[in-house]
Every structure is written in structure tokens, then in C-alpha cells.
Amino acid sequence: MKATAYLLPAIAVVVAGVLSSIYVVDEREKALVLQFGQIVTVKETPGLGFKIPLIQEVVKYDDRILSIDTDAIEVTPSDDRRLVVDAFARYRIADVVRFRQAVGVGGLRTAQDRLSDILNSQIREVLGADQVTSDTILSEDRRILMNRIRDQARASALSLGLDVVDVRLKQTNLPSQNLDATFSRMRAEREREAADEIARGNEAAQRVRALADRTVTETLSAADRDGQITRGEADALASATFANAYGADPEFFDFYRSMQAYENALKGANSTMVLTPDSSFFNYLYDADSATQTVQ
């Protein structure tokens, strides 16, 4: 009985010691085995691990991709238009040994504070470069700038054992005190561009109207010239026709001209004429036996 009384506690102590010497690392973690604060074992693959109870301890770190949001900061691009920028980054612990040496017992919180400082520094450096303007930051070219921030932040974060996977600018806004001045400047620029467009449109319209007026003048002149030529040719043809007719039958020509004279003289309300008895005006209206006629 006494042996059993001593054996059970001994077995319990042994079991407790064995259990306390075993630790488990899953696929989302990396682990370090520390002895008096010094790293003795690195466990980066999932599975069981062993340590010395009471002497060694296990510290686990997340092996997944993590995210961090930076505080909003003001940057001044090369065109001196200040912008308020905030970003977020995705990172992971790439070198767990270096990470432990860099942050110590502060762990992930200390690492994020230092990474945030690195990101803010690189954001100011990249967005404040000589050839970077606010229009560039607000355009599609911002992707190039974000990749540049990521690469430079990655180089600096390696000393922390971190790998910066991606950096994105969440918001890029104007400071509230600069909004009115910026909007006024943008409005003035747009009004100037509109005035330039209107001036160019008016100039083009004047050129079109001048061309149209010249075309109309040239067309009317050509039509009038052609009309004059046609009328001249018609008059010449008529004169030639009369001349041929007169040459062919002078008596018929005299008769035709007399009929035209009668028509022109006796039209309208006035149809009375006083002629001398021997007038030849109405020769074609006289009777053959008449000596004198008074025509009304």
C-alpha cells in the first residue's frame, strides 16, 4: 500500500513532465524554443516538437499574411499641392529568428509599430520625389508609385525579419484648409481651357463662313458670267435669224415688224392715235381702194 501511494504521484509527475515537454505547431505557425532567452530550436514545419520542461519555453508566431493600416499623413508632391494619404500593407514573418532578435519580447505589436514607421517614411520619400506631382498620385500611375513604396519598404523591413508583400494607398485627399483654394484654382483652369476652346471654335467658324462667302461670290459671279454669255449668244442668234429672215423675204420682215409696232403702240388703256392721211404706219391695215384713213 505504501509503495502504491508513492508510485501514483511519481507516475503523475512523469506524465506531467512528458506532456510539458511536448508542443504542437500547426500549419499557420512558426515556433522558437528558447532557453534562458536564447534561441535553441526553430520549428517552421507543422507537427510535434519537444523541449526541456521548466528550462525551455516555446514562442509561436503567425505564419500567415498579415495586414497593417498606417496613420494618415500629409505629403507634399513636387507641385506643392499637399495631400493627406493613408495606406495599408500586407506582410508576413519571413525570418522568425531575425524577427525575434529585432523585436524581442515585444512581439507583433512592436514589429507593427516599427513597420508603420518604415511605411510612412517610404510614402513620404516616394510621393515627395521631384518628378511626382499630385496629378500623378491621383491618376492610374499611382500603381507604379505603390509598387515603388512596397519595394523600398521591403528592403528596410528585412532587418525585422518581415517580408512586405503589398502596399496600397487607401485614400488620397486634400487637406480641408486647401480644398477651397484648390477648387478655385481648378475652376479657373477649366474656365481658361473653356475660353481657349471657344476662341478656337470662333476662329474656325470665321474661317468656314469666309470660305462659304467666297464660294457663294465665286458661284454667283460664274453664274452671272455664264448667263451673260448665254444671253449674248441668244441675242446674236436672234439677230442672225432676223437678218436671215429679212434677207429671204423683206416684205414679210416688214409685215412682222409692223405687227410688233402695232402691239407696242396700242396696248394699255390708250388705244387712240391721230395720224396724217398719208402716214404709212398702218399700211397693212388699209383697204386697197382707200385714199386716206383715220384709225381709232
Protein backbone atom coordinates (compact mmCIF):
# COMPACT_ATOMS: atom_id res chain seq x y z
CA MET A 1 0.00 0.00 0.00
CA LYS A 2 2.80 2.38 0.84
CA ALA A 3 4.51 1.56 -2.48
CA THR A 4 1.32 2.29 -4.36
CA ALA A 5 0.91 5.56 -2.52
CA TYR A 6 4.35 6.70 -3.68
CA LEU A 7 4.04 5.25 -7.18
CA LEU A 8 0.96 7.11 -8.29
CA PRO A 9 2.37 10.58 -7.59
CA ALA A 10 5.58 9.59 -9.32
CA ILE A 11 3.67 8.44 -12.40
CA ALA A 12 1.68 11.68 -12.39
CA VAL A 13 4.88 13.72 -12.21
CA VAL A 14 6.39 11.72 -15.05
CA VAL A 15 3.26 12.10 -17.19
CA ALA A 16 3.12 15.83 -16.47
CA GLY A 17 6.78 16.17 -17.36
CA VAL A 18 6.31 14.27 -20.61
CA LEU A 19 3.25 16.35 -21.55
CA SER A 20 5.00 19.60 -20.69
CA SER A 21 7.90 18.63 -22.93
CA ILE A 22 5.67 18.24 -25.99
CA TYR A 23 4.38 21.14 -28.04
CA VAL A 24 2.39 21.28 -31.28
CA VAL A 25 2.94 23.60 -34.23
CA ASP A 26 0.14 23.81 -36.82
CA GLU A 27 0.43 24.89 -40.46
CA ARG A 28 -0.35 28.53 -39.63
CA GLU A 29 2.51 28.98 -37.18
CA LYS A 30 6.25 29.06 -36.68
CA ALA A 31 7.81 28.34 -33.29
CA LEU A 32 11.02 29.09 -31.42
CA VAL A 33 12.32 27.11 -28.48
CA LEU A 34 14.06 29.45 -26.05
CA GLN A 35 16.36 28.55 -23.20
CA PHE A 36 17.08 31.40 -20.81
CA GLY A 37 16.09 33.80 -23.55
CA GLN A 38 18.36 32.27 -26.18
CA ILE A 39 17.07 30.51 -29.31
CA VAL A 40 17.94 26.84 -29.28
CA THR A 41 15.46 25.37 -31.80
CA VAL A 42 13.48 26.71 -34.77
CA LYS A 43 10.31 24.85 -35.71
CA GLU A 44 8.89 26.02 -39.08
CA THR A 45 7.09 22.85 -40.15
CA PRO A 46 3.79 21.67 -38.63
CA GLY A 47 3.89 18.75 -36.20
CA LEU A 48 5.09 17.76 -32.73
CA GLY A 49 8.14 19.18 -31.06
CA PHE A 50 9.99 18.54 -27.81
CA LYS A 51 11.54 20.82 -25.22
CA ILE A 52 13.01 20.53 -21.77
CA PRO A 53 10.31 21.26 -19.18
CA LEU A 54 10.79 24.24 -16.89
CA ILE A 55 14.03 25.18 -18.60
CA GLN A 56 12.90 25.82 -22.15
CA GLU A 57 9.86 27.69 -23.41
CA VAL A 58 8.11 27.82 -26.78
CA VAL A 59 7.18 31.08 -28.51
CA LYS A 60 4.86 30.84 -31.52
CA TYR A 61 4.41 33.37 -34.32
CA ASP A 62 1.75 33.64 -37.02
CA ASP A 63 2.99 32.41 -40.39
CA ARG A 64 0.05 33.83 -42.37
CA ILE A 65 -0.03 37.04 -44.39
CA LEU A 66 -0.95 39.86 -42.01
CA SER A 67 -2.18 43.39 -42.63
CA ILE A 68 -1.44 46.76 -41.12
CA ASP A 69 -3.09 50.17 -41.60
CA THR A 70 -0.94 53.28 -41.45
CA ASP A 71 -1.96 56.56 -39.91
CA ALA A 72 -2.96 59.39 -42.26
CA ILE A 73 0.00 61.60 -43.07
CA GLU A 74 0.49 64.72 -45.17
CA VAL A 75 2.81 64.61 -48.16
CA THR A 76 3.91 67.43 -50.46
CA PRO A 77 4.48 66.41 -54.11
CA SER A 78 6.66 68.41 -56.47
CA ASP A 79 3.78 70.76 -57.44
CA ASP A 80 3.39 71.85 -53.77
CA ARG A 81 -0.21 70.65 -53.51
CA ARG A 82 -0.35 68.95 -50.13
CA LEU A 83 -2.20 65.66 -49.88
CA VAL A 84 -3.40 63.57 -46.94
CA VAL A 85 -2.52 59.92 -47.57
CA ASP A 86 -3.21 56.75 -45.66
CA ALA A 87 -2.25 53.25 -46.75
CA PHE A 88 -2.35 49.62 -45.74
CA ALA A 89 0.24 46.90 -46.21
CA ARG A 90 0.29 43.12 -46.22
CA TYR A 91 3.28 41.37 -44.77
CA ARG A 92 4.45 38.12 -43.27
CA ILE A 93 7.17 36.96 -40.90
CA ALA A 94 9.78 35.62 -43.31
CA ASP A 95 12.72 35.05 -40.91
CA VAL A 96 11.45 34.12 -37.46
CA VAL A 97 14.93 34.17 -35.89
CA ARG A 98 15.70 37.66 -37.11
CA PHE A 99 12.20 38.74 -36.14
CA ARG A 100 12.76 37.57 -32.55
CA GLN A 101 16.15 39.23 -32.39
CA ALA A 102 14.76 42.50 -33.74
CA VAL A 103 11.61 42.86 -31.62
CA GLY A 104 12.44 40.73 -28.57
CA VAL A 105 9.58 40.14 -26.18
CA GLY A 106 7.58 42.99 -27.76
CA GLY A 107 6.40 40.60 -30.43
CA LEU A 108 3.99 41.54 -33.17
CA ARG A 109 2.89 44.85 -31.64
CA THR A 110 6.44 46.20 -31.59
CA ALA A 111 7.02 44.91 -35.13
CA GLN A 112 3.91 46.67 -36.43
CA ASP A 113 4.93 49.95 -34.81
CA ARG A 114 8.33 49.81 -36.46
CA LEU A 115 6.87 48.67 -39.78
CA SER A 116 4.41 51.57 -39.68
CA ASP A 117 7.31 53.99 -39.27
CA ILE A 118 9.06 52.38 -42.25
CA LEU A 119 5.94 52.64 -44.42
CA ASN A 120 5.31 56.29 -43.55
CA SER A 121 8.91 57.13 -44.28
CA GLN A 122 8.81 55.44 -47.68
CA ILE A 123 5.46 57.02 -48.55
CA ARG A 124 6.88 60.49 -47.88
CA GLU A 125 10.04 59.70 -49.82
CA VAL A 126 8.34 58.26 -52.91
CA LEU A 127 5.39 60.68 -53.13
CA GLY A 128 7.65 63.66 -52.43
CA ALA A 129 10.12 62.86 -55.22
CA ASP A 130 10.98 65.54 -57.79
CA GLN A 131 9.06 64.08 -60.72
CA VAL A 132 5.94 63.08 -58.76
CA THR A 133 3.02 65.52 -58.89
CA SER A 134 -0.39 65.39 -57.24
CA ASP A 135 -1.93 64.57 -60.63
CA THR A 136 0.37 61.54 -60.88
CA ILE A 137 -0.68 60.37 -57.41
CA LEU A 138 -4.36 60.75 -58.27
CA SER A 139 -4.07 59.06 -61.68
CA GLU A 140 -3.68 55.44 -62.74
CA ASP A 141 0.10 55.85 -62.42
CA ARG A 142 -0.29 55.56 -58.65
CA ARG A 143 0.12 51.78 -59.07
CA ILE A 144 3.74 52.36 -60.09
CA LEU A 145 4.23 54.53 -57.01
CA MET A 146 2.69 51.90 -54.73
CA ASN A 147 5.00 49.23 -56.13
CA ARG A 148 7.96 51.53 -55.52
CA ILE A 149 6.85 52.09 -51.92
CA ARG A 150 6.45 48.33 -51.47
CA ASP A 151 9.94 47.56 -52.82
CA GLN A 152 11.66 50.17 -50.69
CA ALA A 153 9.70 49.21 -47.58
CA ARG A 154 10.54 45.54 -48.18
CA ALA A 155 14.24 46.33 -48.28
CA SER A 156 14.00 48.19 -44.96
CA ALA A 157 11.72 45.61 -43.31
CA LEU A 158 14.15 42.73 -43.93
CA SER A 159 16.08 43.84 -40.85
CA LEU A 160 12.94 43.00 -38.86
CA GLY A 161 12.62 39.59 -40.48
CA LEU A 162 9.49 40.77 -42.31
CA ASP A 163 8.57 40.45 -45.97
CA VAL A 164 6.31 43.26 -47.24
CA VAL A 165 4.03 41.58 -49.78
CA ASP A 166 1.95 44.53 -50.93
CA VAL A 167 1.27 48.22 -50.25
CA ARG A 168 -1.88 50.06 -51.26
CA LEU A 169 -2.89 53.71 -50.90
CA LYS A 170 -6.40 53.70 -49.45
CA GLN A 171 -7.26 57.39 -49.64
CA THR A 172 -5.56 60.39 -51.17
CA ASN A 173 -7.35 63.58 -50.19
CA LEU A 174 -6.65 67.27 -49.99
CA PRO A 175 -6.34 68.87 -46.54
CA SER A 176 -9.60 70.56 -45.59
CA GLN A 177 -7.95 74.00 -45.41
CA ASN A 178 -6.73 73.66 -49.00
CA LEU A 179 -9.95 72.44 -50.58
CA ASP A 180 -11.44 75.87 -51.38
CA ALA A 181 -8.20 77.22 -52.84
CA THR A 182 -7.65 74.07 -54.85
CA PHE A 183 -11.20 74.04 -56.19
CA SER A 184 -10.91 77.71 -57.13
CA ARG A 185 -7.66 77.04 -58.97
CA MET A 186 -9.16 74.04 -60.73
CA ARG A 187 -12.23 76.09 -61.69
CA ALA A 188 -10.02 78.87 -63.08
CA GLU A 189 -8.00 76.37 -65.09
CA ARG A 190 -11.15 74.81 -66.53
CA GLU A 191 -12.60 78.24 -67.36
CA ARG A 192 -9.37 79.20 -69.11
CA GLU A 193 -9.43 75.96 -71.09
CA ALA A 194 -13.09 76.57 -71.98
CA ALA A 195 -12.29 80.12 -73.14
CA ASP A 196 -9.44 78.80 -75.29
CA GLU A 197 -11.74 76.20 -76.82
CA ILE A 198 -14.42 78.84 -77.52
CA ALA A 199 -11.83 81.13 -79.13
CA ARG A 200 -10.55 78.32 -81.31
CA GLY A 201 -14.14 77.41 -82.23
CA ASN A 202 -14.95 81.01 -83.18
CA GLU A 203 -11.81 81.23 -85.28
CA ALA A 204 -12.70 78.02 -87.08
CA ALA A 205 -16.28 79.26 -87.61
CA GLN A 206 -15.00 82.52 -89.12
CA ARG A 207 -12.78 80.58 -91.50
CA VAL A 208 -15.74 78.42 -92.53
CA ARG A 209 -18.00 81.46 -93.04
CA ALA A 210 -15.32 83.29 -95.04
CA LEU A 211 -14.83 80.23 -97.23
CA ALA A 212 -18.60 79.90 -97.71
CA ASP A 213 -18.97 83.61 -98.60
CA ARG A 214 -16.14 83.36 -101.11
CA THR A 215 -17.67 80.23 -102.60
CA VAL A 216 -21.06 81.98 -102.92
CA THR A 217 -19.48 85.02 -104.55
CA GLU A 218 -17.49 82.91 -106.96
CA THR A 219 -20.56 80.80 -107.78
CA LEU A 220 -22.77 83.86 -108.40
CA SER A 221 -20.08 85.51 -110.48
CA ALA A 222 -19.64 82.39 -112.56
CA ALA A 223 -23.43 82.04 -112.97
CA ASP A 224 -23.79 85.72 -113.96
CA ARG A 225 -20.93 85.37 -116.43
CA ASP A 226 -22.44 82.24 -117.92
CA GLY A 227 -25.84 84.00 -118.07
CA GLN A 228 -24.35 86.99 -119.88
CA ILE A 229 -22.62 84.69 -122.32
CA THR A 230 -25.85 82.74 -122.90
CA ARG A 231 -27.89 85.94 -123.38
CA GLY A 232 -25.28 87.31 -125.76
CA GLU A 233 -25.28 84.13 -127.75
CA ALA A 234 -29.13 84.15 -127.80
CA ASP A 235 -29.23 87.81 -128.94
CA ALA A 236 -26.68 87.05 -131.61
CA LEU A 237 -28.72 84.06 -132.76
CA ALA A 238 -31.91 86.14 -132.80
CA SER A 239 -30.22 88.89 -134.75
CA ALA A 240 -28.85 86.37 -137.20
CA THR A 241 -32.31 84.80 -137.53
CA PHE A 242 -33.92 88.20 -138.23
CA ALA A 243 -31.20 89.04 -140.67
CA ASN A 244 -31.67 85.74 -142.49
CA ALA A 245 -35.43 86.22 -142.46
CA TYR A 246 -35.12 89.76 -143.82
CA GLY A 247 -32.73 88.61 -146.48
CA ALA A 248 -35.05 85.79 -147.51
CA ASP A 249 -38.31 87.84 -147.66
CA PRO A 250 -38.01 91.59 -146.99
CA GLU A 251 -41.78 92.13 -147.36
CA PHE A 252 -42.58 89.51 -144.66
CA PHE A 253 -39.99 91.06 -142.39
CA ASP A 254 -41.62 94.49 -142.80
CA PHE A 255 -45.01 92.91 -142.06
CA TYR A 256 -43.69 91.23 -138.89
CA ARG A 257 -42.06 94.39 -137.61
CA SER A 258 -45.25 96.35 -138.30
CA MET A 259 -47.25 93.84 -136.26
CA GLN A 260 -44.83 94.28 -133.36
CA ALA A 261 -45.13 98.05 -133.63
CA TYR A 262 -48.95 97.84 -133.58
CA GLU A 263 -48.83 95.68 -130.46
CA ASN A 264 -46.47 98.01 -128.62
CA ALA A 265 -48.31 101.21 -129.66
CA LEU A 266 -51.86 100.12 -128.94
CA LYS A 267 -51.56 98.31 -125.62
CA GLY A 268 -52.97 99.55 -122.31
CA ALA A 269 -55.96 101.87 -121.82
CA ASN A 270 -54.86 104.35 -124.53
CA SER A 271 -55.87 102.97 -127.98
CA THR A 272 -56.41 106.24 -129.87
CA MET A 273 -53.88 107.59 -132.40
CA VAL A 274 -54.06 110.63 -134.70
CA LEU A 275 -52.16 110.22 -137.99
CA THR A 276 -51.80 112.23 -141.17
CA PRO A 277 -53.69 110.91 -144.15
CA ASP A 278 -50.57 109.90 -145.93
CA SER A 279 -48.93 108.09 -142.93
CA SER A 280 -47.52 104.67 -143.74
CA PHE A 281 -47.79 103.36 -140.16
CA PHE A 282 -50.97 101.41 -140.86
CA ASN A 283 -50.18 100.44 -144.43
CA TYR A 284 -51.05 96.78 -143.70
CA LEU A 285 -54.47 97.81 -142.30
CA TYR A 286 -55.63 99.98 -145.24
CA ASP A 287 -58.05 98.80 -147.86
CA ALA A 288 -56.62 98.68 -151.29
CA ASP A 289 -59.11 101.32 -152.61
CA SER A 290 -58.86 103.76 -149.69
CA ALA A 291 -57.02 107.02 -150.27
CA THR A 292 -56.93 108.18 -146.61
CA GLN A 293 -57.83 106.56 -143.28
CA THR A 294 -58.26 107.76 -139.72
CA VAL A 295 -57.68 104.87 -137.40
CA GLN A 296 -59.13 104.64 -133.89
